[in-house]
Every structure is written in C-alpha cells, then in structure tokens.
C-alpha cells in the first residue's frame, strides 16, 4: 500500500500527537492520544485522525474565564494588562471585556 501511495506521489507520515481539538461554534471535540496521519498529495496536505473524541462545551478546560455576556478573556491577557498598567486583575479584566479583548485598547484605557 505504501509503495503504491509513493508511486502516486502521496507521502504519508505518522504524527506523534498528544491531543487534537476540533472547535465548532457550539462545542469542542477532544481526541486524547489519537493516531494522526499526515498525507501530502501534490502539495495538498490532509490529516487523518483516528480515535474516540470527548465532546465538551466550547472553552471548557482551557485558560479562559467567561464574562457575564458570554464572552471570554484569557487569564494571561489579564495578567499582562495588570502588570503593564499596575492595575488590579479585576480592573484589567473589566478593561479587556470593555474592549473586546483588545490588549492595546485595555492598556490605553487604564493608563
């Protein structure tokens, strides 16, 4: 099979992936320890993922906190704005939320 793929100009590589996350508008599909194959055919890359996904709510399990309007602000951004401006994390989070996560606008607002 591999020899036939090479004759057709298709290169295949196994990737040592720890986790694959597919995000949709509503949820995430998380594949833990998947088998991932990368195929390159005439410059077109295709990835094949084999495994059983865990479905979870969008944003669950990452380093973000949701605000009251359903948006999210990255904790790292909050810390960056707070350290840059000397403001509290709460004030930094409020500024980020007010500016739709725009770091420069949040810093400008607090300075």
Protein backbone atom coordinates (compact mmCIF):
# COMPACT_ATOMS: atom_id res chain seq x y z
CA UNK A 1 0.00 0.00 0.00
CA UNK A 2 2.80 2.40 0.95
CA UNK A 3 4.67 1.67 -2.28
CA UNK A 4 1.51 2.34 -4.33
CA UNK A 5 0.98 5.66 -2.49
CA UNK A 6 4.59 6.68 -3.26
CA UNK A 7 4.09 5.83 -6.95
CA UNK A 8 1.04 8.09 -6.99
CA UNK A 9 3.06 10.93 -5.42
CA UNK A 10 1.44 10.69 -2.00
CA UNK A 11 3.70 10.98 1.04
CA UNK A 12 2.41 9.73 4.38
CA UNK A 13 3.82 10.49 7.82
CA UNK A 14 2.63 9.36 11.23
CA UNK A 15 2.49 12.24 13.73
CA UNK A 16 3.14 11.72 17.43
CA UNK A 17 0.14 13.78 18.60
CA UNK A 18 -0.80 14.02 22.26
CA UNK A 19 -4.17 15.71 21.69
CA UNK A 20 -6.26 17.04 18.81
CA UNK A 21 -9.04 19.59 19.37
CA UNK A 22 -11.68 20.43 16.78
CA UNK A 23 -13.62 23.57 17.69
CA UNK A 24 -17.07 24.38 16.34
CA UNK A 25 -19.30 27.32 17.24
CA UNK A 26 -21.01 25.31 19.97
CA UNK A 27 -18.60 22.67 21.26
CA UNK A 28 -15.18 21.06 21.04
CA UNK A 29 -14.24 17.52 20.07
CA UNK A 30 -11.14 16.48 22.01
CA UNK A 31 -9.16 13.45 20.85
CA UNK A 32 -6.72 12.29 23.55
CA UNK A 33 -3.81 10.14 22.31
CA UNK A 34 -5.11 9.92 18.73
CA UNK A 35 -3.44 8.23 15.78
CA UNK A 36 -2.74 11.07 13.32
CA UNK A 37 -1.53 10.58 9.77
CA UNK A 38 -0.44 13.45 7.51
CA UNK A 39 -0.79 12.83 3.79
CA UNK A 40 0.76 15.13 1.20
CA UNK A 41 -0.63 14.67 -2.31
CA UNK A 42 0.54 17.15 -4.95
CA UNK A 43 1.06 19.88 -2.35
CA UNK A 44 -2.32 19.35 -0.68
CA UNK A 45 -1.95 18.30 2.97
CA UNK A 46 -4.62 16.11 4.54
CA UNK A 47 -4.74 14.96 8.15
CA UNK A 48 -6.47 11.76 9.25
CA UNK A 49 -7.40 11.48 12.93
CA UNK A 50 -8.28 8.11 14.43
CA UNK A 51 -9.64 7.94 17.96
CA UNK A 52 -12.73 8.48 20.07
CA UNK A 53 -13.46 12.13 20.81
CA UNK A 54 -14.76 13.58 24.04
CA UNK A 55 -17.34 16.29 23.40
CA UNK A 56 -17.23 19.30 25.70
CA UNK A 57 -18.65 22.80 25.82
CA UNK A 58 -16.71 25.41 23.87
CA UNK A 59 -13.94 26.86 26.03
CA UNK A 60 -14.17 24.24 28.79
CA UNK A 61 -10.80 23.09 30.04
CA UNK A 62 -8.71 25.98 28.74
CA UNK A 63 -7.24 29.02 30.45
CA UNK A 64 -10.14 31.39 29.83
CA UNK A 65 -12.82 32.79 32.08
CA UNK A 66 -16.26 33.72 30.82
CA UNK A 67 -17.73 37.12 31.47
CA UNK A 68 -21.39 37.85 32.19
CA UNK A 69 -22.16 38.45 28.49
CA UNK A 70 -20.85 35.04 27.43
CA UNK A 71 -17.53 36.32 26.07
CA UNK A 72 -14.20 35.18 27.38
CA UNK A 73 -10.97 36.82 28.46
CA UNK A 74 -7.67 34.93 28.60
CA UNK A 75 -6.14 34.90 32.09
CA UNK A 76 -2.70 35.53 30.58
CA UNK A 77 -4.02 38.70 28.93
CA UNK A 78 -5.49 39.84 32.25
CA UNK A 79 -2.13 39.36 33.98
CA UNK A 80 -0.27 41.13 31.16
CA UNK A 81 -2.55 44.19 31.26
CA UNK A 82 -2.44 44.29 35.07
CA UNK A 83 1.37 44.14 35.18
CA UNK A 84 1.77 46.68 32.36
CA UNK A 85 -0.56 49.24 33.94
CA UNK A 86 -0.20 48.50 37.65
CA UNK A 87 -3.97 47.97 37.84
CA UNK A 88 -5.66 45.15 39.72
CA UNK A 89 -6.56 41.97 37.84
CA UNK A 90 -10.23 42.84 38.25
CA UNK A 91 -9.71 46.27 36.63
CA UNK A 92 -7.61 44.68 33.87
CA UNK A 93 -10.32 42.07 33.20
CA UNK A 94 -13.00 44.80 33.09
CA UNK A 95 -10.91 46.84 30.63
CA UNK A 96 -10.33 43.80 28.41
CA UNK A 97 -14.03 42.93 28.43
CA UNK A 98 -14.96 46.54 27.62
CA UNK A 99 -12.53 46.48 24.69
CA UNK A 100 -13.45 43.02 23.36
CA UNK A 101 -10.11 41.53 24.39
CA UNK A 102 -8.00 44.20 22.64
CA UNK A 103 -4.81 44.37 24.72
CA UNK A 104 -3.62 47.76 23.46
CA UNK A 105 -7.02 49.39 24.00
CA UNK A 106 -7.29 47.92 27.50
CA UNK A 107 -3.82 49.22 28.43
CA UNK A 108 -4.63 52.64 26.95
CA UNK A 109 -7.87 52.77 28.94
CA UNK A 110 -6.08 52.03 32.22
CA UNK A 111 -3.07 54.32 31.70
